[in-house]
C-alpha atoms as a PDB file:
ATOM      1  CA  MET A   1     -30.773   5.172  20.330  1.00  0.00           C
ATOM      2  CA  ASN A   2     -30.732   8.639  18.036  1.00  0.00           C
ATOM      3  CA  THR A   3     -32.392   8.054  14.473  1.00  0.00           C
ATOM      4  CA  PRO A   4     -31.070  10.097  11.727  1.00  0.00           C
ATOM      5  CA  ASP A   5     -33.947  13.147  12.151  1.00  0.00           C
ATOM      6  CA  ASN A   6     -32.835  13.635  16.254  1.00  0.00           C
ATOM      7  CA  ARG A   7     -28.472  13.733  15.817  1.00  0.00           C
ATOM      8  CA  THR A   8     -27.316  16.709  17.365  1.00  0.00           C
ATOM      9  CA  GLU A   9     -24.602  18.435  15.265  1.00  0.00           C
ATOM     10  CA  SER A  10     -21.639  16.881  17.144  1.00  0.00           C
ATOM     11  CA  GLU A  11     -23.587  13.402  16.625  1.00  0.00           C
ATOM     12  CA  GLU A  12     -23.503  13.754  12.576  1.00  0.00           C
ATOM     13  CA  LEU A  13     -20.443  15.014  12.847  1.00  0.00           C
ATOM     14  CA  PHE A  14     -18.505  12.235  14.240  1.00  0.00           C
ATOM     15  CA  LEU A  15     -20.294   9.449  12.552  1.00  0.00           C
ATOM     16  CA  GLN A  16     -19.454  11.274   9.187  1.00  0.00           C
ATOM     17  CA  GLN A  17     -15.752  11.393  10.588  1.00  0.00           C
ATOM     18  CA  VAL A  18     -15.928   7.851  11.007  1.00  0.00           C
ATOM     19  CA  GLY A  19     -17.577   7.132   8.103  1.00  0.00           C
ATOM     20  CA  ASN A  20     -15.070   8.769   6.128  1.00  0.00           C
ATOM     21  CA  ARG A  21     -12.025   6.989   8.179  1.00  0.00           C
ATOM     22  CA  VAL A  22     -13.573   3.601   7.311  1.00  0.00           C
ATOM     23  CA  ARG A  23     -13.512   4.210   3.180  1.00  0.00           C
ATOM     24  CA  GLY A  24     -10.233   6.415   3.594  1.00  0.00           C
ATOM     25  CA  LEU A  25      -8.307   3.227   4.933  1.00  0.00           C
ATOM     26  CA  ARG A  26     -10.585   0.890   2.599  1.00  0.00           C
ATOM     27  CA  ALA A  27      -9.718   2.874  -0.173  1.00  0.00           C
ATOM     28  CA  SER A  28      -5.535   3.155   1.023  1.00  0.00           C
ATOM     29  CA  ARG A  29      -5.244  -0.902   1.386  1.00  0.00           C
ATOM     30  CA  GLY A  30      -7.196  -1.370  -2.474  1.00  0.00           C
ATOM     31  CA  MET A  31     -10.393  -3.031  -0.943  1.00  0.00           C
ATOM     32  CA  THR A  32     -13.566  -3.052  -2.500  1.00  0.00           C
ATOM     33  CA  ARG A  33     -16.813  -2.733  -0.074  1.00  0.00           C
ATOM     34  CA  LYS A  34     -17.319  -6.333  -1.250  1.00  0.00           C
ATOM     35  CA  MET A  35     -14.131  -7.177  -0.016  1.00  0.00           C
ATOM     36  CA  LEU A  36     -14.217  -5.467   3.653  1.00  0.00           C
ATOM     37  CA  ALA A  37     -17.662  -7.106   3.499  1.00  0.00           C
ATOM     38  CA  HIS A  38     -16.362 -10.667   2.957  1.00  0.00           C
ATOM     39  CA  ASP A  39     -13.363 -10.172   5.420  1.00  0.00           C
ATOM     40  CA  SER A  40     -15.343  -8.396   8.520  1.00  0.00           C
ATOM     41  CA  SER A  41     -18.808 -10.478   8.073  1.00  0.00           C
ATOM     42  CA  VAL A  42     -20.314  -7.079   8.445  1.00  0.00           C
ATOM     43  CA  SER A  43     -22.917  -6.740   5.206  1.00  0.00           C
ATOM     44  CA  GLU A  44     -22.212  -4.284   2.227  1.00  0.00           C
ATOM     45  CA  ARG A  45     -25.204  -2.381   2.374  1.00  0.00           C
ATOM     46  CA  TYR A  46     -24.492  -2.148   6.568  1.00  0.00           C
ATOM     47  CA  LEU A  47     -20.727  -0.580   5.174  1.00  0.00           C
ATOM     48  CA  ALA A  48     -22.248   1.792   2.472  1.00  0.00           C
ATOM     49  CA  ASN A  49     -24.307   3.532   5.530  1.00  0.00           C
ATOM     50  CA  ILE A  50     -21.420   4.060   7.799  1.00  0.00           C
ATOM     51  CA  GLU A  51     -19.346   5.299   4.734  1.00  0.00           C
ATOM     52  CA  GLN A  52     -21.971   7.495   3.881  1.00  0.00           C
ATOM     53  CA  GLY A  53     -22.130   8.502   8.313  1.00  0.00           C
ATOM     54  CA  ASN A  54     -25.999   7.486   8.179  1.00  0.00           C
ATOM     55  CA  GLY A  55     -26.096   4.463  10.813  1.00  0.00           C
ATOM     56  CA  ASN A  56     -25.142   4.444  13.930  1.00  0.00           C
ATOM     57  CA  ILE A  57     -22.600   1.322  14.140  1.00  0.00           C
ATOM     58  CA  SER A  58     -21.752  -0.810  17.337  1.00  0.00           C
ATOM     59  CA  ILE A  59     -18.077  -1.484  18.809  1.00  0.00           C
ATOM     60  CA  ASN A  60     -18.477  -5.212  18.523  1.00  0.00           C
ATOM     61  CA  LEU A  61     -19.214  -4.711  14.380  1.00  0.00           C
ATOM     62  CA  LEU A  62     -16.439  -1.612  14.091  1.00  0.00           C
ATOM     63  CA  ARG A  63     -13.781  -3.931  15.895  1.00  0.00           C
ATOM     64  CA  GLN A  64     -14.799  -6.522  12.826  1.00  0.00           C
ATOM     65  CA  VAL A  65     -14.134  -3.340  10.434  1.00  0.00           C
ATOM     66  CA  ALA A  66     -10.741  -2.733  11.806  1.00  0.00           C
ATOM     67  CA  GLY A  67      -9.696  -5.801  12.006  1.00  0.00           C
ATOM     68  CA  ALA A  68     -10.426  -6.525   8.256  1.00  0.00           C
ATOM     69  CA  LEU A  69      -8.754  -3.123   7.762  1.00  0.00           C
ATOM     70  CA  ARG A  70      -5.701  -4.691   9.920  1.00  0.00           C
ATOM     71  CA  THR A  71      -5.749  -1.898  11.811  1.00  0.00           C
ATOM     72  CA  GLU A  72      -6.720  -0.997  15.674  1.00  0.00           C
ATOM     73  CA  LEU A  73      -9.974  -0.052  16.531  1.00  0.00           C
ATOM     74  CA  ALA A  74      -8.750   3.576  17.539  1.00  0.00           C
ATOM     75  CA  GLU A  75      -7.989   4.332  14.270  1.00  0.00           C
ATOM     76  CA  LEU A  76     -11.138   4.515  12.643  1.00  0.00           C
ATOM     77  CA  LEU A  77     -12.425   7.038  15.793  1.00  0.00           C
ATOM     78  CA  PRO A  78     -11.616  10.506  14.502  1.00  0.00           C
ATOM     79  CA  SER A  79     -10.468  11.671  17.765  1.00  0.00           C
ATOM     80  CA  SER A  80      -8.086   8.801  18.438  1.00  0.00           C
ATOM     81  CA  THR A  81      -4.074   9.263  18.983  1.00  0.00           C
ATOM     82  CA  LYS A  82      -2.491   7.713  16.143  1.00  0.00           C
ATOM     83  CA  GLN A  83       0.472   5.313  16.609  1.00  0.00           C
ATOM     84  CA  THR A  84       3.780   6.048  13.951  1.00  0.00           C
ATOM     85  CA  PRO A  85       4.084   3.256  12.102  1.00  0.00           C
ATOM     86  CA  GLU A  86       7.729   2.708  13.297  1.00  0.00           C
ATOM     87  CA  GLN A  87       5.582   2.006  16.707  1.00  0.00           C
ATOM     88  CA  SER A  88       3.249  -0.075  15.163  1.00  0.00           C
ATOM     89  CA  LEU A  89       6.213  -2.175  13.952  1.00  0.00           C
ATOM     90  CA  ILE A  90       7.834  -2.739  16.669  1.00  0.00           C
ATOM     91  CA  ASN A  91       5.336  -3.605  19.130  1.00  0.00           C
ATOM     92  CA  GLU A  92       4.648  -6.823  17.074  1.00  0.00           C
ATOM     93  CA  PHE A  93       8.081  -8.001  17.825  1.00  0.00           C
ATOM     94  CA  ILE A  94       8.825  -7.033  21.617  1.00  0.00           C
ATOM     95  CA  GLY A  95       5.888  -5.425  23.045  1.00  0.00           C
ATOM     96  CA  ARG A  96       6.348  -3.178  26.463  1.00  0.00           C
ATOM     97  CA  LEU A  97       9.337  -1.021  25.691  1.00  0.00           C
ATOM     98  CA  SER A  98       9.643   2.798  26.079  1.00  0.00           C
ATOM     99  CA  HIS A  99       9.250   4.883  22.886  1.00  0.00           C
ATOM    100  CA  LYS A 100      12.846   5.091  22.856  1.00  0.00           C
ATOM    101  CA  GLU A 101      14.003   1.966  23.587  1.00  0.00           C
ATOM    102  CA  GLN A 102      11.537   1.573  20.879  1.00  0.00           C
ATOM    103  CA  GLN A 103      13.549   3.308  18.781  1.00  0.00           C
ATOM    104  CA  ALA A 104      16.495   1.703  18.909  1.00  0.00           C
ATOM    105  CA  ALA A 105      15.148  -2.059  18.644  1.00  0.00           C
ATOM    106  CA  LEU A 106      13.622  -1.067  15.412  1.00  0.00           C
ATOM    107  CA  GLN A 107      17.220   0.464  14.171  1.00  0.00           C
ATOM    108  CA  THR A 108      18.351  -2.662  15.217  1.00  0.00           C
ATOM    109  CA  LEU A 109      15.837  -5.353  13.932  1.00  0.00           C
ATOM    110  CA  TYR A 110      16.564  -3.377  10.659  1.00  0.00           C
ATOM    111  CA  GLN A 111      20.237  -3.815  10.336  1.00  0.00           C
ATOM    112  CA  GLN A 112      19.653  -7.715  10.832  1.00  0.00           C
ATOM    113  CA  PHE A 113      18.282  -7.050   6.955  1.00  0.00           C
ATOM    114  CA  SER A 114      20.152  -4.209   5.592  1.00  0.00           C
ATOM    115  CA  SER A 115      22.603  -6.463   3.613  1.00  0.00           C
ATOM    116  CA  LEU A 116      23.129  -2.867   1.366  1.00  0.00           C
ATOM    117  CA  ALA A 117      24.089  -0.838   3.943  1.00  0.00           C
ATOM    118  CA  ASP A 118      27.043   0.152   2.361  1.00  0.00           C
ATOM    119  CA  SER A 119      25.416  -0.468  -1.485  1.00  0.00           C
ATOM    120  CA  HIS A 120      21.646  -0.372  -2.362  1.00  0.00           C
ATOM    121  CA  THR A 121      21.891  -2.623  -5.275  1.00  0.00           C
ATOM    122  CA  ARG A 122      18.258  -3.266  -5.231  1.00  0.00           C
ATOM    123  CA  ILE A 123      15.372  -0.990  -6.632  1.00  0.00           C
ATOM    124  CA  ALA A 124      12.151  -1.023  -5.565  1.00  0.00           C
ATOM    125  CA  LEU A 125       9.405   0.707  -7.877  1.00  0.00           C
ATOM    126  CA  ILE A 126       6.362   1.423  -5.714  1.00  0.00           C
ATOM    127  CA  GLY A 127       2.919   3.519  -7.406  1.00  0.00           C
ATOM    128  CA  LEU A 128      -0.335   2.344  -8.414  1.00  0.00           C
ATOM    129  CA  ARG A 129      -1.244   0.279 -11.480  1.00  0.00           C
ATOM    130  CA  GLY A 130      -0.797   2.404 -15.169  1.00  0.00           C
ATOM    131  CA  ALA A 131       1.912   4.354 -13.384  1.00  0.00           C
ATOM    132  CA  GLY A 132       4.712   2.564 -15.668  1.00  0.00           C
ATOM    133  CA  LYS A 133       6.214   0.083 -13.378  1.00  0.00           C
ATOM    134  CA  THR A 134       6.210  -3.089 -15.248  1.00  0.00           C
ATOM    135  CA  THR A 135       7.624  -1.335 -18.335  1.00  0.00           C
ATOM    136  CA  LEU A 136      10.084   0.447 -16.790  1.00  0.00           C
ATOM    137  CA  GLY A 137      11.495  -2.502 -14.756  1.00  0.00           C
ATOM    138  CA  GLN A 138      11.368  -4.644 -18.347  1.00  0.00           C
ATOM    139  CA  LEU A 139      13.515  -2.194 -19.797  1.00  0.00           C
ATOM    140  CA  LEU A 140      16.224  -2.297 -16.975  1.00  0.00           C
ATOM    141  CA  ASN A 141      16.478  -5.715 -16.997  1.00  0.00           C
ATOM    142  CA  LYS A 142      16.832  -5.394 -20.884  1.00  0.00           C
ATOM    143  CA  ARG A 143      19.214  -2.307 -20.844  1.00  0.00           C
ATOM    144  CA  GLN A 144      21.003  -2.874 -17.718  1.00  0.00           C
ATOM    145  CA  GLN A 145      20.845  -7.039 -16.855  1.00  0.00           C
ATOM    146  CA  LEU A 146      19.167  -6.142 -13.801  1.00  0.00           C
ATOM    147  CA  PRO A 147      16.939  -8.715 -12.665  1.00  0.00           C
ATOM    148  CA  PHE A 148      13.256  -7.960 -13.103  1.00  0.00           C
ATOM    149  CA  ILE A 149      10.656  -9.220  -9.762  1.00  0.00           C
ATOM    150  CA  ARG A 150       7.238  -8.900 -10.272  1.00  0.00           C
ATOM    151  CA  LEU A 151       5.688  -9.378  -6.500  1.00  0.00           C
ATOM    152  CA  ALA A 152       2.347 -10.367  -8.339  1.00  0.00           C
ATOM    153  CA  SER A 153       4.375 -13.142  -9.787  1.00  0.00           C
ATOM    154  CA  GLU A 154       6.175 -14.478  -6.484  1.00  0.00           C
ATOM    155  CA  ILE A 155       2.582 -13.883  -4.675  1.00  0.00           C
ATOM    156  CA  GLU A 156       1.338 -16.453  -6.963  1.00  0.00           C
ATOM    157  CA  SER A 157       4.041 -18.889  -7.001  1.00  0.00           C
ATOM    158  CA  ILE A 158       4.199 -19.355  -3.186  1.00  0.00           C
ATOM    159  CA  GLY A 159       0.309 -19.327  -2.469  1.00  0.00           C
ATOM    160  CA  GLY A 160      -0.396 -21.963  -5.949  1.00  0.00           C
ATOM    161  CA  MET A 161      -2.860 -19.523  -7.549  1.00  0.00           C
ATOM    162  CA  ALA A 162      -4.033 -16.588  -8.855  1.00  0.00           C
ATOM    163  CA  ILE A 163      -4.340 -13.204  -6.715  1.00  0.00           C
ATOM    164  CA  SER A 164      -7.689 -12.911  -7.426  1.00  0.00           C
ATOM    165  CA  GLU A 165      -8.486 -16.586  -5.882  1.00  0.00           C
ATOM    166  CA  ILE A 166      -6.019 -15.581  -2.626  1.00  0.00           C
ATOM    167  CA  LEU A 167      -8.407 -12.845  -2.150  1.00  0.00           C
ATOM    168  CA  ALA A 168     -11.718 -14.475  -2.713  1.00  0.00           C
ATOM    169  CA  LEU A 169     -10.280 -17.727  -0.801  1.00  0.00           C
ATOM    170  CA  SER A 170      -8.402 -16.225   2.266  1.00  0.00           C
ATOM    171  CA  GLY A 171      -8.871 -12.215   2.317  1.00  0.00           C
ATOM    172  CA  GLN A 172      -6.610  -9.626   2.458  1.00  0.00           C
ATOM    173  CA  ALA A 173      -4.970 -10.685   5.192  1.00  0.00           C
ATOM    174  CA  GLY A 174      -3.918 -14.109   3.397  1.00  0.00           C
ATOM    175  CA  TYR A 175      -2.793 -12.091   0.542  1.00  0.00           C
ATOM    176  CA  ARG A 176      -1.319 -10.130   3.193  1.00  0.00           C
ATOM    177  CA  ARG A 177       0.979 -12.878   4.432  1.00  0.00           C
ATOM    178  CA  LEU A 178       1.675 -14.432   1.121  1.00  0.00           C
ATOM    179  CA  GLU A 179       2.956 -10.562   0.278  1.00  0.00           C
ATOM    180  CA  GLU A 180       5.289 -10.884   2.840  1.00  0.00           C
ATOM    181  CA  LYS A 181       6.889 -13.764   1.917  1.00  0.00           C
ATOM    182  CA  ALA A 182       7.443 -13.446  -1.013  1.00  0.00           C
ATOM    183  CA  LEU A 183       9.257  -9.799  -0.206  1.00  0.00           C
ATOM    184  CA  PHE A 184      11.227 -12.079   2.246  1.00  0.00           C
ATOM    185  CA  ARG A 185      12.639 -14.341  -0.481  1.00  0.00           C
ATOM    186  CA  THR A 186      13.219 -12.136  -3.019  1.00  0.00           C
ATOM    187  CA  LEU A 187      15.465  -9.825  -0.595  1.00  0.00           C
ATOM    188  CA  ASN A 188      16.977 -12.923   0.459  1.00  0.00           C
ATOM    189  CA  GLU A 189      17.854 -14.279  -2.831  1.00  0.00           C
ATOM    190  CA  TYR A 190      19.010 -11.544  -4.716  1.00  0.00           C
ATOM    191  CA  ASP A 191      21.452  -8.968  -3.597  1.00  0.00           C
ATOM    192  CA  SER A 192      20.728  -6.902  -6.826  1.00  0.00           C
ATOM    193  CA  CYS A 193      17.648  -6.713  -8.755  1.00  0.00           C
ATOM    194  CA  CYS A 194      14.720  -4.526  -9.214  1.00  0.00           C
ATOM    195  CA  ILE A 195      11.212  -5.045  -7.865  1.00  0.00           C
ATOM    196  CA  GLU A 196       7.293  -4.066  -8.862  1.00  0.00           C
ATOM    197  CA  THR A 197       5.734  -4.035  -5.808  1.00  0.00           C
ATOM    198  CA  GLY A 198       1.630  -4.271  -5.588  1.00  0.00           C
ATOM    199  CA  GLY A 199       0.322  -0.426  -5.361  1.00  0.00           C
ATOM    200  CA  SER A 200      -0.887  -1.099  -1.830  1.00  0.00           C
ATOM    201  CA  ILE A 201       2.141  -2.520  -0.156  1.00  0.00           C
ATOM    202  CA  VAL A 202       2.866   0.656   1.386  1.00  0.00           C
ATOM    203  CA  SER A 203      -0.039   0.703   3.490  1.00  0.00           C
ATOM    204  CA  GLU A 204       1.520  -2.154   5.356  1.00  0.00           C
ATOM    205  CA  PRO A 205       4.304  -0.334   8.109  1.00  0.00           C
ATOM    206  CA  LYS A 206       6.140  -3.535   8.158  1.00  0.00           C
ATOM    207  CA  GLU A 207       6.580  -4.181   4.614  1.00  0.00           C
ATOM    208  CA  LEU A 208       7.234  -0.719   3.552  1.00  0.00           C
ATOM    209  CA  ASN A 209      10.315   0.348   5.948  1.00  0.00           C
ATOM    210  CA  LEU A 210      11.661  -2.722   4.769  1.00  0.00           C
ATOM    211  CA  LEU A 211      12.015  -1.341   1.442  1.00  0.00           C
ATOM    212  CA  LEU A 212      13.427   1.566   2.419  1.00  0.00           C
ATOM    213  CA  THR A 213      16.124   0.336   4.267  1.00  0.00           C
ATOM    214  CA  THR A 214      16.858  -2.732   1.561  1.00  0.00           C
ATOM    215  CA  CYS A 215      16.468  -0.826  -1.699  1.00  0.00           C
ATOM    216  CA  LEU A 216      16.128   2.089  -3.411  1.00  0.00           C
ATOM    217  CA  VAL A 217      12.592   2.812  -3.590  1.00  0.00           C
ATOM    218  CA  ILE A 218      11.356   4.821  -6.124  1.00  0.00           C
ATOM    219  CA  TRP A 219       7.930   5.853  -6.424  1.00  0.00           C
ATOM    220  CA  VAL A 220       6.423   6.191 -10.262  1.00  0.00           C
ATOM    221  CA  ARG A 221       3.798   8.301 -10.378  1.00  0.00           C
ATOM    222  CA  ALA A 222       1.448   9.933 -12.869  1.00  0.00           C
ATOM    223  CA  THR A 223      -2.110  11.412 -12.937  1.00  0.00           C
ATOM    224  CA  PRO A 224      -5.538   9.998 -11.990  1.00  0.00           C
ATOM    225  CA  GLU A 225      -6.173  10.004 -15.122  1.00  0.00           C
ATOM    226  CA  GLU A 226      -3.602   8.703 -17.054  1.00  0.00           C
ATOM    227  CA  HIS A 227      -3.570   5.347 -14.293  1.00  0.00           C
ATOM    228  CA  MET A 228      -6.755   4.952 -15.553  1.00  0.00           C
ATOM    229  CA  ASP A 229      -6.761   5.511 -18.655  1.00  0.00           C
ATOM    230  CA  ARG A 230      -3.345   3.354 -19.239  1.00  0.00           C
ATOM    231  CA  VAL A 231      -5.066   0.288 -17.538  1.00  0.00           C
ATOM    232  CA  ILE A 232      -8.041   0.768 -19.785  1.00  0.00           C
ATOM    233  CA  ALA A 233      -5.389   0.364 -22.733  1.00  0.00           C
ATOM    234  CA  GLN A 234      -3.859  -2.542 -21.293  1.00  0.00           C
ATOM    235  CA  GLY A 235      -7.273  -4.442 -22.006  1.00  0.00           C
ATOM    236  CA  ASP A 236      -8.338  -4.668 -17.951  1.00  0.00           C
ATOM    237  CA  LEU A 237     -11.802  -2.800 -18.167  1.00  0.00           C
ATOM    238  CA  ARG A 238     -12.191  -3.543 -13.988  1.00  0.00           C
ATOM    239  CA  PRO A 239     -11.678  -0.616 -12.831  1.00  0.00           C
ATOM    240  CA  MET A 240     -14.704   0.758 -14.305  1.00  0.00           C
ATOM    241  CA  ALA A 241     -16.608  -2.692 -13.884  1.00  0.00           C
ATOM    242  CA  ASN A 242     -19.888  -2.207 -11.644  1.00  0.00           C
ATOM    243  CA  ASN A 243     -18.525   0.887 -10.570  1.00  0.00           C
ATOM    244  CA  ASN A 244     -19.680   4.682 -11.299  1.00  0.00           C
ATOM    245  CA  ASP A 245     -17.324   5.883  -8.872  1.00  0.00           C
ATOM    246  CA  ALA A 246     -14.459   4.767 -10.421  1.00  0.00           C
ATOM    247  CA  MET A 247     -12.189   7.994 -10.524  1.00  0.00           C
ATOM    248  CA  GLU A 248     -13.188   8.903  -7.234  1.00  0.00           C
ATOM    249  CA  ASP A 249     -12.060   5.979  -5.628  1.00  0.00           C
ATOM    250  CA  LEU A 250      -8.904   6.456  -8.096  1.00  0.00           C
ATOM    251  CA  ARG A 251      -8.160   9.649  -6.172  1.00  0.00           C
ATOM    252  CA  ARG A 252      -9.265   8.718  -2.573  1.00  0.00           C
ATOM    253  CA  ILE A 253      -6.664   5.637  -2.636  1.00  0.00           C
ATOM    254  CA  LEU A 254      -4.118   8.371  -4.192  1.00  0.00           C
ATOM    255  CA  LYS A 255      -4.936  10.756  -1.637  1.00  0.00           C
ATOM    256  CA  GLU A 256      -4.255   8.272   1.063  1.00  0.00           C
ATOM    257  CA  ARG A 257      -1.093   6.771   0.001  1.00  0.00           C
ATOM    258  CA  ASN A 258       0.259   9.827  -1.068  1.00  0.00           C
ATOM    259  CA  PRO A 259       1.831  10.122   2.665  1.00  0.00           C
ATOM    260  CA  TYR A 260       3.428   6.515   2.098  1.00  0.00           C
ATOM    261  CA  TYR A 261       4.324   7.085  -1.432  1.00  0.00           C
ATOM    262  CA  GLY A 262       6.216  10.234  -0.208  1.00  0.00           C
ATOM    263  CA  LYS A 263       8.173   8.254   1.615  1.00  0.00           C
ATOM    264  CA  ALA A 264      10.547   6.812  -1.573  1.00  0.00           C
ATOM    265  CA  HIS A 265      13.831   8.141  -2.172  1.00  0.00           C
ATOM    266  CA  ALA A 266      13.106   9.303  -4.855  1.00  0.00           C
ATOM    267  CA  VAL A 267      10.054  10.330  -7.425  1.00  0.00           C
ATOM    268  CA  LEU A 268       9.426   9.522 -11.327  1.00  0.00           C
ATOM    269  CA  ASP A 269       6.316  11.285 -12.674  1.00  0.00           C
ATOM    270  CA  THR A 270       5.537   9.913 -16.016  1.00  0.00           C
ATOM    271  CA  SER A 271       2.515  11.728 -16.798  1.00  0.00           C
ATOM    272  CA  GLY A 272       2.801  13.273 -20.281  1.00  0.00           C
ATOM    273  CA  LYS A 273       6.033  11.326 -20.779  1.00  0.00           C
ATOM    274  CA  SER A 274       7.210   8.975 -23.884  1.00  0.00           C
ATOM    275  CA  ILE A 275       8.534   5.487 -22.157  1.00  0.00           C
ATOM    276  CA  GLU A 276      12.170   6.814 -23.404  1.00  0.00           C
ATOM    277  CA  GLN A 277      11.954   9.705 -21.637  1.00  0.00           C
ATOM    278  CA  SER A 278      10.836   8.476 -18.214  1.00  0.00           C
ATOM    279  CA  TYR A 279      13.490   5.474 -18.556  1.00  0.00           C
ATOM    280  CA  SER A 280      15.909   8.336 -19.057  1.00  0.00           C
ATOM    281  CA  GLU A 281      14.985  10.469 -16.222  1.00  0.00           C
ATOM    282  CA  LEU A 282      14.897   6.625 -13.993  1.00  0.00           C
ATOM    283  CA  ILE A 283      18.248   6.198 -14.782  1.00  0.00           C
ATOM    284  CA  ASN A 284      19.403   9.992 -14.260  1.00  0.00           C
ATOM    285  CA  LEU A 285      17.623   9.296 -10.595  1.00  0.00           C
ATOM    286  CA  ILE A 286      19.076   6.040  -9.826  1.00  0.00           C
ATOM    287  CA  GLN A 287      22.506   7.780 -10.176  1.00  0.00           C
ATOM    288  CA  GLU A 288      21.825  11.007  -8.678  1.00  0.00           C
ATOM    289  CA  GLN A 289      20.468   8.604  -5.908  1.00  0.00           C
ATOM    290  CA  SER A 290      23.653   6.634  -5.872  1.00  0.00           C
ATOM    291  CA  LYS A 291      25.975   9.829  -5.052  1.00  0.00           C
ATOM    292  CA  LEU A 292      23.740  10.194  -1.851  1.00  0.00           C
ATOM    293  CA  ILE A 293      23.315   6.806  -0.624  1.00  0.00           C
ATOM    294  CA  GLY A 294      26.264   4.690  -2.493  1.00  0.00           C
ATOM    295  CA  SER A 295      26.721   3.121  -5.190  1.00  0.00           C
ATOM    296  CA  ILE A 296      24.051   1.069  -7.112  1.00  0.00           C
END
């Protein structure tokens, strides 16, 4: 086995790329290193070495990490061929079909959930904490009489406990199962509503595609600094607790999720804007999108 002192340049690069993939996927899932250690049964210290490109990892341990990240082992390897979210989703349901058949099957599957084919009356607000999703959703409820559903509250209702307890007891996998149930229940119960999602929901292909098919999806975004400042201003100091690299982690999360957030039907940037300015722009976005995809 090569040690750090006698590794070749290509080996160093490979391990660094694996570490970057692990850290990037962990960030996109909204997981701390402690959470990943819990779900994968791999120590935090060992994970730190992997993410920094300082340690060789066995295939079995890497498979455990991949399982905890809810991804394929190949996704952690820099030279792997990536599957599209659509292919991964279809494979959950139908297995062995040609790519063309998979595309047709996916379209057929989503038609079963697309009760809003002619009218997008559901609005889904996606994005990280601190962008303004809750405030805007509450204003839509107050001024437009549009039911406002916080998916986090639905998850806690189904789980019978706080999200922090769900994560502690069941890990990310348990949380995702409840999140999926909460989303399906909300879509089944409401033909017209505004749904505030968790920031990491976009990293789950099944749930993201379901939102895009049944809702007008709007990415509510802000600068990393404003995200952090707004969360702290609300009295939540957790982003800074025991994390000297909080801003770096936040930037990494945004970078990893941007391609997924970018699939939204529209983007609302609340940076440097008042609540009223953001709300006015939200209404304009809804009206503009209504002309393109049907009446709200």
